[in-house]
Amino acid sequence: MTDIAFTLTHSTAGSEWILDGDDYAGLTWLSDTPKPTEQEIDAAYPLAVAAKESAEAEHLATITAARDHAASLGFTEAMLAAMYPNLAP
């Protein structure tokens, strides 16, 4: 079963909708654009997953590069953790 909310959130940026429950019957489309069909949402799901995974990998690569650069400047993991607690390894 496709995660409709996830798919719409990641594939129809700027669109407005309400999802009552987790199936297509509960989707109320509020935007002026045409409401996507259930088949269109199903087809968009793997693309949304791939885009999310790609963005997460890119983010991790950026953090890793920043950590490597900081280490080359003499910053320790303890220093980085103290300065940026939300960027734990």
N, C-alpha and C. Protein backbone atom coordinates (compact mmCIF):
# COMPACT_ATOMS: atom_id res chain seq x y z
N MET A 1 0.84 -1.19 0.00
CA MET A 1 0.00 0.00 0.00
C MET A 1 0.88 1.25 0.00
N THR A 2 0.59 2.15 -0.86
CA THR A 2 1.33 3.40 -0.99
C THR A 2 1.02 4.33 0.18
N ASP A 3 2.05 4.98 0.68
CA ASP A 3 1.87 5.99 1.72
C ASP A 3 1.46 7.29 1.02
N ILE A 4 0.17 7.54 0.99
CA ILE A 4 -0.37 8.67 0.23
C ILE A 4 0.14 10.00 0.77
N ALA A 5 0.11 10.19 2.08
CA ALA A 5 0.55 11.47 2.66
C ALA A 5 2.01 11.73 2.34
N PHE A 6 2.85 10.72 2.50
CA PHE A 6 4.28 10.86 2.18
C PHE A 6 4.45 11.24 0.71
N THR A 7 3.76 10.50 -0.16
CA THR A 7 3.90 10.73 -1.60
C THR A 7 3.46 12.14 -1.98
N LEU A 8 2.31 12.55 -1.50
CA LEU A 8 1.83 13.89 -1.84
C LEU A 8 2.73 14.97 -1.28
N THR A 9 3.21 14.78 -0.07
CA THR A 9 4.10 15.76 0.55
C THR A 9 5.38 15.94 -0.26
N HIS A 10 5.89 14.84 -0.81
CA HIS A 10 7.16 14.90 -1.54
C HIS A 10 7.02 15.09 -3.04
N SER A 11 5.82 14.96 -3.58
CA SER A 11 5.70 15.04 -5.03
C SER A 11 4.75 16.14 -5.52
N THR A 12 4.03 16.76 -4.63
CA THR A 12 3.10 17.82 -5.05
C THR A 12 3.31 19.06 -4.19
N ALA A 13 4.54 19.53 -4.16
CA ALA A 13 4.88 20.69 -3.33
C ALA A 13 3.95 21.86 -3.64
N GLY A 14 3.45 22.48 -2.60
CA GLY A 14 2.59 23.63 -2.75
C GLY A 14 1.12 23.29 -2.88
N SER A 15 0.81 22.03 -3.08
CA SER A 15 -0.59 21.63 -3.18
C SER A 15 -1.21 21.54 -1.80
N GLU A 16 -2.50 21.75 -1.76
CA GLU A 16 -3.22 21.67 -0.49
C GLU A 16 -4.23 20.54 -0.57
N TRP A 17 -4.23 19.75 0.46
CA TRP A 17 -5.10 18.59 0.51
C TRP A 17 -5.31 18.16 1.95
N ILE A 18 -6.31 17.33 2.16
CA ILE A 18 -6.58 16.74 3.47
C ILE A 18 -6.73 15.24 3.25
N LEU A 19 -6.13 14.46 4.12
CA LEU A 19 -6.26 13.02 4.02
C LEU A 19 -6.90 12.50 5.30
N ASP A 20 -8.10 11.98 5.19
CA ASP A 20 -8.81 11.39 6.32
C ASP A 20 -8.58 9.89 6.25
N GLY A 21 -7.74 9.41 7.14
CA GLY A 21 -7.36 8.00 7.09
C GLY A 21 -6.10 7.85 6.26
N ASP A 22 -5.94 6.67 5.67
CA ASP A 22 -4.72 6.46 4.89
C ASP A 22 -4.99 5.81 3.54
N ASP A 23 -6.22 5.96 3.03
CA ASP A 23 -6.48 5.46 1.69
C ASP A 23 -7.04 6.57 0.80
N TYR A 24 -7.04 6.30 -0.48
CA TYR A 24 -7.38 7.32 -1.48
C TYR A 24 -8.79 7.89 -1.27
N ALA A 25 -9.70 7.08 -0.80
CA ALA A 25 -11.08 7.54 -0.59
C ALA A 25 -11.14 8.70 0.40
N GLY A 26 -10.16 8.79 1.29
CA GLY A 26 -10.14 9.86 2.27
C GLY A 26 -9.43 11.12 1.82
N LEU A 27 -8.99 11.17 0.56
CA LEU A 27 -8.25 12.32 0.06
C LEU A 27 -9.20 13.40 -0.46
N THR A 28 -9.13 14.57 0.16
CA THR A 28 -9.88 15.73 -0.31
C THR A 28 -8.87 16.71 -0.87
N TRP A 29 -9.00 17.03 -2.15
CA TRP A 29 -8.06 17.90 -2.85
C TRP A 29 -8.55 19.33 -2.75
N LEU A 30 -7.73 20.22 -2.21
CA LEU A 30 -8.12 21.61 -1.99
C LEU A 30 -7.49 22.57 -3.00
N SER A 31 -6.48 22.13 -3.70
CA SER A 31 -5.78 23.00 -4.65
C SER A 31 -6.57 23.16 -5.94
N ASP A 32 -6.19 24.19 -6.69
CA ASP A 32 -6.82 24.44 -7.99
C ASP A 32 -6.32 23.47 -9.06
N THR A 33 -5.20 22.82 -8.80
CA THR A 33 -4.66 21.85 -9.75
C THR A 33 -5.52 20.58 -9.72
N PRO A 34 -5.46 19.78 -10.78
CA PRO A 34 -6.25 18.55 -10.78
C PRO A 34 -5.79 17.58 -9.70
N LYS A 35 -6.75 16.93 -9.08
CA LYS A 35 -6.46 15.92 -8.07
C LYS A 35 -5.79 14.73 -8.75
N PRO A 36 -4.63 14.31 -8.24
CA PRO A 36 -3.98 13.15 -8.86
C PRO A 36 -4.83 11.89 -8.65
N THR A 37 -4.77 11.01 -9.63
CA THR A 37 -5.49 9.75 -9.50
C THR A 37 -4.73 8.84 -8.54
N GLU A 38 -5.40 7.81 -8.09
CA GLU A 38 -4.73 6.84 -7.22
C GLU A 38 -3.55 6.19 -7.95
N GLN A 39 -3.70 5.95 -9.23
CA GLN A 39 -2.62 5.35 -10.02
C GLN A 39 -1.44 6.30 -10.14
N GLU A 40 -1.71 7.59 -10.29
CA GLU A 40 -0.63 8.57 -10.36
C GLU A 40 0.13 8.65 -9.03
N ILE A 41 -0.61 8.56 -7.94
CA ILE A 41 0.04 8.58 -6.62
C ILE A 41 0.88 7.32 -6.45
N ASP A 42 0.33 6.18 -6.82
CA ASP A 42 1.09 4.92 -6.73
C ASP A 42 2.37 4.98 -7.55
N ALA A 43 2.29 5.58 -8.75
CA ALA A 43 3.46 5.70 -9.61
C ALA A 43 4.48 6.69 -9.05
N ALA A 44 4.02 7.71 -8.36
CA ALA A 44 4.91 8.74 -7.81
C ALA A 44 5.61 8.27 -6.54
N TYR A 45 5.06 7.27 -5.86
CA TYR A 45 5.62 6.83 -4.58
C TYR A 45 7.09 6.42 -4.67
N PRO A 46 7.48 5.51 -5.59
CA PRO A 46 8.90 5.14 -5.63
C PRO A 46 9.81 6.32 -5.96
N LEU A 47 9.33 7.26 -6.74
CA LEU A 47 10.13 8.45 -7.05
C LEU A 47 10.31 9.32 -5.82
N ALA A 48 9.24 9.44 -5.02
CA ALA A 48 9.32 10.22 -3.78
C ALA A 48 10.29 9.57 -2.79
N VAL A 49 10.23 8.25 -2.70
CA VAL A 49 11.15 7.52 -1.81
C VAL A 49 12.59 7.73 -2.26
N ALA A 50 12.82 7.58 -3.56
CA ALA A 50 14.18 7.76 -4.10
C ALA A 50 14.69 9.18 -3.88
N ALA A 51 13.84 10.17 -4.06
CA ALA A 51 14.24 11.56 -3.85
C ALA A 51 14.59 11.80 -2.39
N LYS A 52 13.79 11.25 -1.48
CA LYS A 52 14.06 11.41 -0.04
C LYS A 52 15.38 10.74 0.32
N GLU A 53 15.60 9.52 -0.17
CA GLU A 53 16.84 8.80 0.12
C GLU A 53 18.05 9.54 -0.45
N SER A 54 17.91 10.10 -1.63
CA SER A 54 18.99 10.85 -2.26
C SER A 54 19.31 12.11 -1.44
N ALA A 55 18.28 12.81 -1.00
CA ALA A 55 18.49 14.01 -0.19
C ALA A 55 19.16 13.67 1.13
N GLU A 56 18.75 12.55 1.74
CA GLU A 56 19.38 12.13 3.00
C GLU A 56 20.83 11.76 2.78
N ALA A 57 21.14 11.07 1.69
CA ALA A 57 22.53 10.70 1.39
C ALA A 57 23.38 11.94 1.13
N GLU A 58 22.81 12.90 0.42
CA GLU A 58 23.53 14.15 0.15
C GLU A 58 23.80 14.90 1.45
N HIS A 59 22.80 14.93 2.33
CA HIS A 59 22.96 15.59 3.62
C HIS A 59 24.06 14.91 4.44
N LEU A 60 24.05 13.58 4.47
CA LEU A 60 25.07 12.84 5.21
C LEU A 60 26.45 13.10 4.62
N ALA A 61 26.56 13.14 3.31
CA ALA A 61 27.85 13.42 2.67
C ALA A 61 28.35 14.81 3.02
N THR A 62 27.45 15.77 3.09
CA THR A 62 27.82 17.14 3.46
C THR A 62 28.33 17.19 4.89
N ILE A 63 27.61 16.51 5.78
CA ILE A 63 28.04 16.48 7.19
C ILE A 63 29.39 15.79 7.32
N THR A 64 29.55 14.67 6.61
CA THR A 64 30.82 13.94 6.67
C THR A 64 31.97 14.81 6.16
N ALA A 65 31.76 15.51 5.07
CA ALA A 65 32.80 16.38 4.52
C ALA A 65 33.13 17.51 5.50
N ALA A 66 32.11 18.06 6.14
CA ALA A 66 32.34 19.13 7.11
C ALA A 66 33.11 18.61 8.32
N ARG A 67 32.76 17.41 8.77
CA ARG A 67 33.48 16.81 9.90
C ARG A 67 34.94 16.55 9.53
N ASP A 68 35.16 16.02 8.32
CA ASP A 68 36.53 15.75 7.88
C ASP A 68 37.34 17.05 7.80
N HIS A 69 36.72 18.10 7.29
CA HIS A 69 37.40 19.38 7.21
C HIS A 69 37.72 19.92 8.60
N ALA A 70 36.73 19.82 9.51
CA ALA A 70 36.95 20.29 10.88
C ALA A 70 38.07 19.50 11.55
N ALA A 71 38.11 18.20 11.29
CA ALA A 71 39.18 17.37 11.86
C ALA A 71 40.53 17.80 11.31
N SER A 72 40.58 18.17 10.04
CA SER A 72 41.85 18.61 9.46
C SER A 72 42.33 19.93 10.06
N LEU A 73 41.40 20.67 10.66
CA LEU A 73 41.74 21.93 11.32
C LEU A 73 42.04 21.74 12.80
N GLY A 74 41.95 20.49 13.27
CA GLY A 74 42.28 20.20 14.66
C GLY A 74 41.10 20.07 15.60
N PHE A 75 39.90 20.16 15.09
CA PHE A 75 38.72 19.98 15.94
C PHE A 75 38.54 18.50 16.25
N THR A 76 38.25 18.20 17.49
CA THR A 76 37.99 16.82 17.88
C THR A 76 36.50 16.54 17.81
N GLU A 77 36.14 15.26 17.87
CA GLU A 77 34.73 14.88 17.88
C GLU A 77 34.02 15.49 19.09
N ALA A 78 34.71 15.55 20.23
CA ALA A 78 34.12 16.14 21.44
C ALA A 78 33.82 17.62 21.23
N MET A 79 34.74 18.32 20.58
CA MET A 79 34.52 19.75 20.31
C MET A 79 33.32 19.93 19.37
N LEU A 80 33.27 19.13 18.32
CA LEU A 80 32.16 19.22 17.36
C LEU A 80 30.83 18.89 18.03
N ALA A 81 30.84 17.88 18.88
CA ALA A 81 29.60 17.49 19.58
C ALA A 81 29.14 18.60 20.51
N ALA A 82 30.08 19.29 21.14
CA ALA A 82 29.72 20.39 22.03
C ALA A 82 29.16 21.58 21.24
N MET A 83 29.75 21.84 20.07
CA MET A 83 29.30 22.98 19.27
C MET A 83 28.03 22.68 18.48
N TYR A 84 27.88 21.44 18.02
CA TYR A 84 26.76 21.06 17.16
C TYR A 84 26.14 19.74 17.64
N PRO A 85 25.42 19.78 18.76
CA PRO A 85 24.89 18.54 19.33
C PRO A 85 23.90 17.82 18.42
N ASN A 86 23.27 18.52 17.50
CA ASN A 86 22.30 17.87 16.60
C ASN A 86 22.95 17.17 15.43
N LEU A 87 24.24 17.29 15.28
CA LEU A 87 24.95 16.65 14.16
C LEU A 87 25.82 15.50 14.65
N ALA A 88 25.26 14.70 15.51
CA ALA A 88 26.00 13.55 16.03
C ALA A 88 26.36 12.60 14.89
N PRO A 89 27.50 11.95 15.01
CA PRO A 89 27.94 11.03 13.93
C PRO A 89 27.00 9.86 13.76
